[in-house]
């Protein structure tokens, strides 16, 4: 499976805002707070004001990096959203939120989406009691997502749960930290997604 293996703090610096890609470090020792400039030898220069295509491209790159997708994966997700009924931009965000790795992160069973993908790939994740090893698996309302019982005392899981207590769990999910598992109560609406994303810019970019 292709994936980005470079330093993720560079991605936050490139977008000029926190993308929360490294779990606890993003809340304690975030690199962007010390070095808010764009990475590279010309990063200290004043940012040029972006218009049109530049804004659209940066918004697409930001959403890709938040969810940890490469270009082909992201484009396939957009095409699926474009074929479905409803507002394309909102459907795109809902499809991204339905990914299994994102659900684990939102529930607080993983401190980041990257850690969630590792748990899934290693076979620690159950959906409705059955092992699932595909990070892009789409959950449905009523699905129960959790970890194997043997993993319940893992130190990384306990750290993730501690972070989730301060971060909170979205209203469309329900967490039972004792098991540990959570339930998908409903699909999220646009109002439930509080990320600073302008999905209309992504739709405009791909519509050219």
Foldseek 3Di string as FASTA:
>chain_A
DDFDDDDLLLLCLQLQHDLQAPFPCCVPPRVCVVPNFHDDPCRPDDDDDDDAPVVLVSLLSSVCSSLRHDDVVLVVLLVVLVPDDDDSLFSSVLLSCQFQLNQCLLLLQARHSVRSLVCLCVQFKDKQRHRHNDRSDGDAAFIKIDGDQVCLPPPRRVSSNVSCVVVDHFPQKAADSVSGIIGRHHGDGPVSDPDPHDSVSNVVNVVD
